[in-house]
Protein backbone atom coordinates (compact mmCIF):
# COMPACT_ATOMS: atom_id res chain seq x y z
CA UNK A 1 15.58 -40.85 36.37
CA UNK A 2 12.47 -41.97 34.55
CA UNK A 3 10.40 -39.37 36.39
CA UNK A 4 12.85 -36.63 35.39
CA UNK A 5 12.78 -37.72 31.77
CA UNK A 6 8.98 -37.87 31.89
CA UNK A 7 8.71 -34.37 33.36
CA UNK A 8 11.05 -32.98 30.69
CA UNK A 9 9.07 -34.65 27.93
CA UNK A 10 5.84 -33.36 29.40
CA UNK A 11 7.26 -29.83 29.64
CA UNK A 12 8.41 -29.95 26.02
CA UNK A 13 4.98 -31.19 24.97
CA UNK A 14 3.33 -28.43 27.00
CA UNK A 15 5.58 -25.79 25.40
CA UNK A 16 4.81 -27.24 21.99
CA UNK A 17 1.07 -26.99 22.63
CA UNK A 18 1.51 -23.42 23.86
CA UNK A 19 3.45 -22.57 20.70
CA UNK A 20 0.70 -24.02 18.51
CA UNK A 21 -1.93 -22.03 20.39
CA UNK A 22 0.17 -18.87 20.26
CA UNK A 23 0.62 -19.20 16.49
CA UNK A 24 -3.10 -19.84 16.08
CA UNK A 25 -3.87 -16.67 18.05
CA UNK A 26 -1.37 -14.75 15.93
CA UNK A 27 -2.97 -15.97 12.70
CA UNK A 28 -6.42 -15.12 14.06
CA UNK A 29 -5.21 -11.65 15.01
CA UNK A 30 -3.72 -11.11 11.54
CA UNK A 31 -6.88 -12.36 9.85
CA UNK A 32 -9.09 -10.13 11.99
CA UNK A 33 -6.95 -7.09 11.20
CA UNK A 34 -7.00 -7.93 7.52
CA UNK A 35 -10.76 -8.36 7.70
CA UNK A 36 -11.26 -4.96 9.31
CA UNK A 37 -8.85 -3.25 6.90
CA UNK A 38 -10.36 -4.85 3.80
CA UNK A 39 -13.90 -4.07 4.98
CA UNK A 40 -12.98 -0.41 5.41
CA UNK A 41 -11.35 -0.43 1.98
CA UNK A 42 -14.41 -2.04 0.41
CA UNK A 43 -16.72 0.61 1.87
CA UNK A 44 -14.33 3.38 0.86
CA UNK A 45 -13.90 1.91 -2.62
CA UNK A 46 -17.64 1.96 -3.18
CA UNK A 47 -17.80 5.55 -1.95
CA UNK A 48 -14.90 6.53 -4.20
CA UNK A 49 -16.47 4.81 -7.21
CA UNK A 50 -19.78 6.60 -6.64
CA UNK A 51 -17.96 9.89 -6.11
CA UNK A 52 -15.91 9.42 -9.27
CA UNK A 53 -18.98 8.51 -11.33
CA UNK A 54 -20.91 11.54 -10.07
CA UNK A 55 -17.91 13.84 -10.57
CA UNK A 56 -17.25 12.67 -14.12
CA UNK A 57 -20.94 12.70 -14.97
CA UNK A 58 -21.57 16.19 -13.62
CA UNK A 59 -18.55 17.57 -15.46
CA UNK A 60 -19.74 15.92 -18.66
CA UNK A 61 -23.22 17.34 -18.08
CA UNK A 62 -21.83 20.85 -17.59
CA UNK A 63 -20.02 20.51 -20.91
CA UNK A 64 -23.06 19.10 -22.72
CA UNK A 65 -25.62 21.44 -21.23
CA UNK A 66 -24.95 24.44 -23.53
CA UNK A 67 -24.85 22.11 -26.53
CA UNK A 68 -28.19 20.54 -25.63
CA UNK A 69 -29.84 23.91 -25.13
CA UNK A 70 -28.45 25.06 -28.48
CA UNK A 71 -29.81 21.93 -30.14
CA UNK A 72 -33.18 22.49 -28.54
CA UNK A 73 -33.30 26.03 -29.92
CA UNK A 74 -32.00 25.19 -33.40
CA UNK A 75 -33.72 21.89 -34.07
CA UNK A 76 -37.12 22.60 -32.60
CA UNK A 77 -38.46 24.33 -35.76
CA UNK A 78 -37.21 21.49 -38.00
CA UNK A 79 -37.41 18.37 -35.84
CA UNK A 80 -40.25 19.16 -33.55
CA UNK A 81 -41.01 15.46 -33.01
CA UNK A 82 -37.70 15.09 -31.12
CA UNK A 83 -38.48 17.99 -28.82
CA UNK A 84 -40.05 15.76 -26.19
CA UNK A 85 -36.98 13.54 -25.96
CA UNK A 86 -34.59 16.48 -25.84
CA UNK A 87 -36.73 18.24 -23.25
CA UNK A 88 -36.78 15.08 -21.12
CA UNK A 89 -32.97 14.86 -21.25
CA UNK A 90 -32.64 18.49 -20.20
CA UNK A 91 -35.07 18.14 -17.30
CA UNK A 92 -33.87 14.70 -16.12
CA UNK A 93 -30.07 14.85 -16.02
CA UNK A 94 -29.54 11.99 -13.54
CA UNK A 95 -29.46 9.15 -16.13
CA UNK A 96 -27.08 11.13 -18.35
CA UNK A 97 -24.85 11.97 -15.39
CA UNK A 98 -24.65 8.32 -14.29
CA UNK A 99 -24.10 7.01 -17.82
CA UNK A 100 -21.44 9.60 -18.65
CA UNK A 101 -19.70 9.12 -15.31
CA UNK A 102 -19.63 5.34 -15.74
CA UNK A 103 -18.09 5.69 -19.20
CA UNK A 104 -15.54 8.28 -18.08
CA UNK A 105 -14.57 6.50 -14.84
CA UNK A 106 -11.92 4.17 -16.33
CA UNK A 107 -10.59 6.89 -18.63
CA UNK A 108 -10.28 9.64 -16.03
CA UNK A 109 -9.26 7.67 -12.94
CA UNK A 110 -8.45 3.96 -13.35
CA UNK A 111 -6.00 4.32 -16.22
CA UNK A 112 -3.94 7.11 -14.59
CA UNK A 113 -3.82 5.16 -11.32
CA UNK A 114 -2.66 1.97 -13.03
CA UNK A 115 -0.03 4.01 -14.87
CA UNK A 116 1.19 5.43 -11.55
CA UNK A 117 1.50 1.99 -10.00
CA UNK A 118 3.35 0.62 -13.03
CA UNK A 119 5.71 3.61 -13.07
CA UNK A 120 6.32 3.27 -9.33
CA UNK A 121 7.10 -0.45 -9.59
CA UNK A 122 9.32 0.13 -12.63
CA UNK A 123 11.24 2.89 -10.86
CA UNK A 124 11.88 0.70 -7.82
CA UNK A 125 12.45 -2.51 -9.74
CA UNK A 126 15.07 -0.94 -12.02
CA UNK A 127 16.63 1.25 -9.38
CA UNK A 128 19.87 -0.70 -9.18
CA UNK A 129 22.21 -3.27 -10.63
CA UNK A 130 21.66 -7.04 -10.33
CA UNK A 131 23.32 -8.33 -7.17
CA UNK A 132 24.59 -11.35 -9.09
CA UNK A 133 26.93 -8.98 -10.95
CA UNK A 134 27.95 -6.57 -8.19
CA UNK A 135 27.44 -8.53 -4.96
CA UNK A 136 27.41 -12.28 -5.75
CA UNK A 137 27.60 -13.18 -2.06
CA UNK A 138 24.32 -11.33 -1.54
CA UNK A 139 22.65 -13.26 -4.35
CA UNK A 140 23.90 -16.49 -2.77
CA UNK A 141 22.30 -15.61 0.57
CA UNK A 142 18.97 -14.91 -1.12
CA UNK A 143 19.23 -18.17 -3.06
CA UNK A 144 19.79 -20.12 0.15
CA UNK A 145 16.94 -18.39 1.99
CA UNK A 146 14.58 -19.02 -0.93
CA UNK A 147 15.46 -22.71 -0.85
CA UNK A 148 14.75 -22.81 2.88
CA UNK A 149 11.40 -21.09 2.34
CA UNK A 150 10.64 -23.40 -0.60
CA UNK A 151 9.88 -20.53 -3.00
CA UNK A 152 11.40 -19.56 -6.37
CA UNK A 153 14.52 -17.44 -6.02
CA UNK A 154 13.59 -13.75 -6.36
CA UNK A 155 15.61 -11.23 -8.34
CA UNK A 156 17.74 -8.98 -6.17
CA UNK A 157 19.05 -5.54 -7.06
CA UNK A 158 21.42 -3.19 -5.28
CA UNK A 159 20.61 0.51 -5.63
CA UNK A 160 23.39 3.03 -5.19
CA UNK A 161 21.70 5.13 -2.54
CA UNK A 162 23.09 6.39 0.73
CA UNK A 163 20.01 5.84 2.82
CA UNK A 164 19.58 2.26 4.15
CA UNK A 165 16.46 0.81 2.52
CA UNK A 166 15.04 -2.54 1.48
CA UNK A 167 11.89 -3.39 -0.48
CA UNK A 168 10.06 -6.46 -1.73
CA UNK A 169 7.95 -6.31 -4.90
CA UNK A 170 5.86 -8.91 -6.67
CA UNK A 171 4.78 -12.29 -5.34
CA UNK A 172 6.08 -15.77 -4.60
CA UNK A 173 6.77 -16.68 -8.22
CA UNK A 174 8.04 -13.33 -9.59
CA UNK A 175 9.46 -11.51 -6.60
CA UNK A 176 12.08 -8.79 -6.57
CA UNK A 177 14.08 -7.59 -3.58
CA UNK A 178 15.83 -4.21 -3.67
CA UNK A 179 18.44 -3.12 -1.14
CA UNK A 180 20.61 -0.02 -1.09
CA UNK A 181 24.34 0.36 -0.67
CA UNK A 182 23.54 2.35 2.45
CA UNK A 183 21.98 -0.78 3.94
CA UNK A 184 24.96 -2.95 2.97
CA UNK A 185 27.39 -0.50 4.56
CA UNK A 186 25.56 -0.31 7.88
CA UNK A 187 24.74 -3.93 8.66
CA UNK A 188 26.80 -6.96 9.52
CA UNK A 189 26.50 -10.12 7.43
CA UNK A 190 24.13 -11.75 9.94
CA UNK A 191 21.98 -8.62 10.22
CA UNK A 192 21.81 -8.28 6.44
CA UNK A 193 20.71 -11.91 6.12
CA UNK A 194 17.94 -11.22 8.63
CA UNK A 195 16.74 -8.21 6.62
CA UNK A 196 16.77 -10.25 3.40
CA UNK A 197 14.80 -12.98 5.18
CA UNK A 198 12.27 -10.33 6.25
CA UNK A 199 11.78 -9.18 2.65
CA UNK A 200 11.56 -12.78 1.44
CA UNK A 201 8.86 -13.42 4.05
CA UNK A 202 6.87 -10.57 2.53
CA UNK A 203 7.06 -12.36 -0.83
CA UNK A 204 6.09 -15.69 0.73
CA UNK A 205 3.08 -14.07 2.41
CA UNK A 206 2.02 -12.22 -0.74
CA UNK A 207 2.19 -8.89 1.08
CA UNK A 208 3.34 -6.84 -1.90
CA UNK A 209 0.37 -7.94 -3.99
CA UNK A 210 -1.98 -7.23 -1.08
CA UNK A 211 -0.52 -3.75 -0.59
CA UNK A 212 -0.81 -3.02 -4.32
CA UNK A 213 -4.47 -4.03 -4.13
CA UNK A 214 -5.26 -1.82 -1.15
CA UNK A 215 -3.32 1.15 -2.50
CA UNK A 216 -5.56 1.40 -5.57
CA UNK A 217 -8.60 2.94 -3.79
CA UNK A 218 -6.41 5.58 -2.16
CA UNK A 219 -4.71 6.48 -5.44
CA UNK A 220 -8.10 6.77 -7.13
CA UNK A 221 -9.26 9.07 -4.32
CA UNK A 222 -6.15 11.16 -4.88
CA UNK A 223 -6.83 11.23 -8.61
CA UNK A 224 -10.47 12.26 -8.11
CA UNK A 225 -9.50 14.96 -5.64
CA UNK A 226 -6.61 16.32 -7.67
CA UNK A 227 -8.76 18.37 -10.07
CA UNK A 228 -8.12 22.10 -10.07
CA UNK A 229 -10.86 24.55 -9.07
CA UNK A 230 -12.90 25.99 -11.95
CA UNK A 231 -11.37 28.80 -13.97
CA UNK A 232 -12.62 32.31 -13.25
CA UNK A 233 -13.11 32.75 -16.99
CA UNK A 234 -16.08 30.43 -16.67
CA UNK A 235 -17.60 32.85 -14.15
CA UNK A 236 -17.88 35.49 -16.86
CA UNK A 237 -19.20 33.30 -19.66
CA UNK A 238 -21.31 30.79 -17.67
CA UNK A 239 -21.84 31.92 -14.06
CA UNK A 240 -24.27 29.11 -13.19
CA UNK A 241 -21.92 26.47 -14.56
CA UNK A 242 -19.06 28.09 -12.63
CA UNK A 243 -20.98 27.99 -9.35
CA UNK A 244 -22.02 24.37 -9.93
CA UNK A 245 -18.43 23.39 -10.75
CA UNK A 246 -17.12 25.27 -7.70
CA UNK A 247 -19.58 23.57 -5.33
CA UNK A 248 -18.77 20.18 -6.86
CA UNK A 249 -15.02 20.80 -6.57
CA UNK A 250 -15.30 21.85 -2.91
CA UNK A 251 -17.47 18.84 -2.05
CA UNK A 252 -15.10 16.47 -3.84
CA UNK A 253 -12.09 17.96 -2.06
CA UNK A 254 -13.64 17.35 1.35
CA UNK A 255 -14.97 13.91 0.48
CA UNK A 256 -11.80 12.59 -1.14
CA UNK A 257 -9.70 13.91 1.76
CA UNK A 258 -11.83 11.88 4.18
CA UNK A 259 -11.61 8.89 1.87
CA UNK A 260 -7.81 9.15 1.68
CA UNK A 261 -7.59 9.24 5.47
CA UNK A 262 -9.80 6.17 5.72
CA UNK A 263 -7.66 4.38 3.13
CA UNK A 264 -4.45 5.36 4.90
CA UNK A 265 -5.84 4.08 8.19
CA UNK A 266 -6.83 0.74 6.65
CA UNK A 267 -3.47 0.43 4.89
CA UNK A 268 -1.63 1.28 8.11
CA UNK A 269 -3.53 -1.36 10.12
CA UNK A 270 -2.95 -3.99 7.45
CA UNK A 271 0.69 -3.05 6.88
CA UNK A 272 1.56 -3.15 10.59
CA UNK A 273 0.16 -6.65 10.97
CA UNK A 274 2.04 -7.85 7.89
CA UNK A 275 5.31 -6.40 9.21
CA UNK A 276 5.05 -8.39 12.44
CA UNK A 277 4.32 -11.52 10.42
CA UNK A 278 7.37 -10.85 8.21
CA UNK A 279 9.54 -10.31 11.29
CA UNK A 280 8.49 -13.69 12.64
CA UNK A 281 9.02 -15.34 9.27
CA UNK A 282 12.53 -13.85 9.05
CA UNK A 283 13.41 -15.03 12.54
CA UNK A 284 12.23 -18.55 11.73
CA UNK A 285 14.13 -18.61 8.42
CA UNK A 286 17.44 -17.51 9.92
CA UNK A 287 16.94 -19.21 13.27
CA UNK A 288 18.11 -16.03 15.01
CA UNK A 289 15.51 -13.45 16.09
CA UNK A 290 18.30 -11.47 17.75
CA UNK A 291 19.96 -10.74 14.38
CA UNK A 292 16.84 -9.05 13.04
CA UNK A 293 16.41 -7.18 16.33
CA UNK A 294 19.99 -5.97 16.07
CA UNK A 295 19.43 -4.86 12.47
CA UNK A 296 16.30 -2.92 13.40
CA UNK A 297 18.08 -1.19 16.27
CA UNK A 298 21.02 -0.27 14.07
CA UNK A 299 18.76 1.05 11.30
CA UNK A 300 16.71 3.00 13.81
CA UNK A 301 19.87 4.66 15.15
CA UNK A 302 21.04 5.55 11.62
CA UNK A 303 17.80 7.06 10.35
CA UNK A 304 18.37 10.62 9.25
CA UNK A 305 16.02 13.33 8.04
CA UNK A 306 16.55 13.95 4.31
CA UNK A 307 17.39 17.37 3.01
CA UNK A 308 14.59 17.14 0.48
CA UNK A 309 11.87 14.60 -0.18
CA UNK A 310 9.35 15.45 -2.87
CA UNK A 311 7.63 12.09 -2.80
CA UNK A 312 3.96 12.05 -1.86
CA UNK A 313 1.86 9.22 -0.48
CA UNK A 314 0.93 8.30 -4.02
CA UNK A 315 4.55 7.68 -5.04
CA UNK A 316 6.29 6.91 -1.75
CA UNK A 317 7.69 3.48 -1.00
CA UNK A 318 7.50 4.05 2.74
CA UNK A 319 4.95 1.31 3.31
CA UNK A 320 7.30 -1.19 1.63
CA UNK A 321 10.51 -0.33 3.47
CA UNK A 322 11.63 -2.49 6.40
CA UNK A 323 11.94 0.58 8.63
CA UNK A 324 10.53 3.63 6.85
CA UNK A 325 11.29 7.24 7.64
CA UNK A 326 8.14 8.48 9.32
CA UNK A 327 8.63 12.03 10.45
CA UNK A 328 5.13 13.40 9.84
CA UNK A 329 3.02 13.80 12.96
CA UNK A 330 0.16 11.70 11.62
CA UNK A 331 2.39 8.84 10.56
CA UNK A 332 3.56 8.41 14.14
CA UNK A 333 0.00 7.73 15.25
CA UNK A 334 -2.89 5.91 13.65
CA UNK A 335 -1.53 6.31 10.12
CA UNK A 336 1.87 4.80 10.86
CA UNK A 337 2.51 2.01 8.33
CA UNK A 338 4.91 0.02 10.54
CA UNK A 339 4.72 -1.01 14.19
CA UNK A 340 6.93 1.12 16.41
CA UNK A 341 10.43 -0.23 16.90
CA UNK A 342 9.77 -1.11 20.56
CA UNK A 343 6.84 -3.37 19.64
CA UNK A 344 8.86 -5.18 17.00
CA UNK A 345 11.79 -5.68 19.36
CA UNK A 346 9.47 -7.02 22.06
CA UNK A 347 8.04 -9.60 19.65
CA UNK A 348 11.52 -10.68 18.60
CA UNK A 349 12.69 -10.83 22.23
CA UNK A 350 9.76 -13.12 22.97
CA UNK A 351 10.95 -15.42 20.20
CA UNK A 352 14.48 -15.40 21.66
CA UNK A 353 13.11 -16.45 25.05
CA UNK A 354 10.97 -19.16 23.45
CA UNK A 355 13.92 -20.59 21.53
CA UNK A 356 16.13 -20.46 24.61
CA UNK A 357 13.54 -22.30 26.71
CA UNK A 358 13.25 -24.92 23.97
CA UNK A 359 17.02 -25.38 23.95
CA UNK A 360 17.49 -24.12 20.38
């Protein structure tokens, strides 16, 4: 009897040690993925900043060039002593380009990008009615889960949209969770609780803030690369300026496209790792990995192609949704923001087996 009890205790201790090691490996894997993604984003951010500075500076130079030549012609007879300085500026444009680009960078690119992010968050955050008014039972579930996770209770809104969606915005102290009526209509109470726990885990882990941070370089690349080609009118009045602008525009288009792809890849790698972490956090909060697995399967079966979707990467919430609609060819490969459904189900099934073996 004592030997049996000893063997059981030893097995439980062994399983506990294995669980600690497994969690340590998971954290190490997440940290390594985050490190790779953030390194890529840092390199790309520097490239984007340099590109934006050069682009803004060259455009400013093209605008100033005729003015400077006119000043040189008009002022030379009167202010001959300034000719040397003016001539140096005309023959050494690099300092002017860098200075002008640095000044214009926040005005041309950072401010529009910040405005896009604020508008995007506002649109999502105010997309529905407070659950405390329309679905008090939902607010109660979130309150209970927040208490279990030991975090402030997030705001929760219900958006009147047919498609099943859920998002988490903000951080631990000022989080917001948005779900749609389509989600409420498709899931059971246990499945819905699992989805809410998943979104709450994103808030606990600070994923929304991280994703906002990593989206900025890509949005800036989009902003830099969104300029229109030069007008043909410029070809008639200033052919050299037109050719310079055309070459610059073509180079920027190619460069910013590559930068956007690099950003999307880094975001996808980071987002996929955070989704698996949120799945695990949800399963631990609810104590039932199978409920989240069931919800994912049901949502996967109910995904439908929309009749029209005008959202672009810059304004899409796909990376924030628990199971986004990813119909583009690229998004099913390296640029996919979420792990495939089979991988997520396998991770949850592993947790079910672990809990069963532990007698939970």
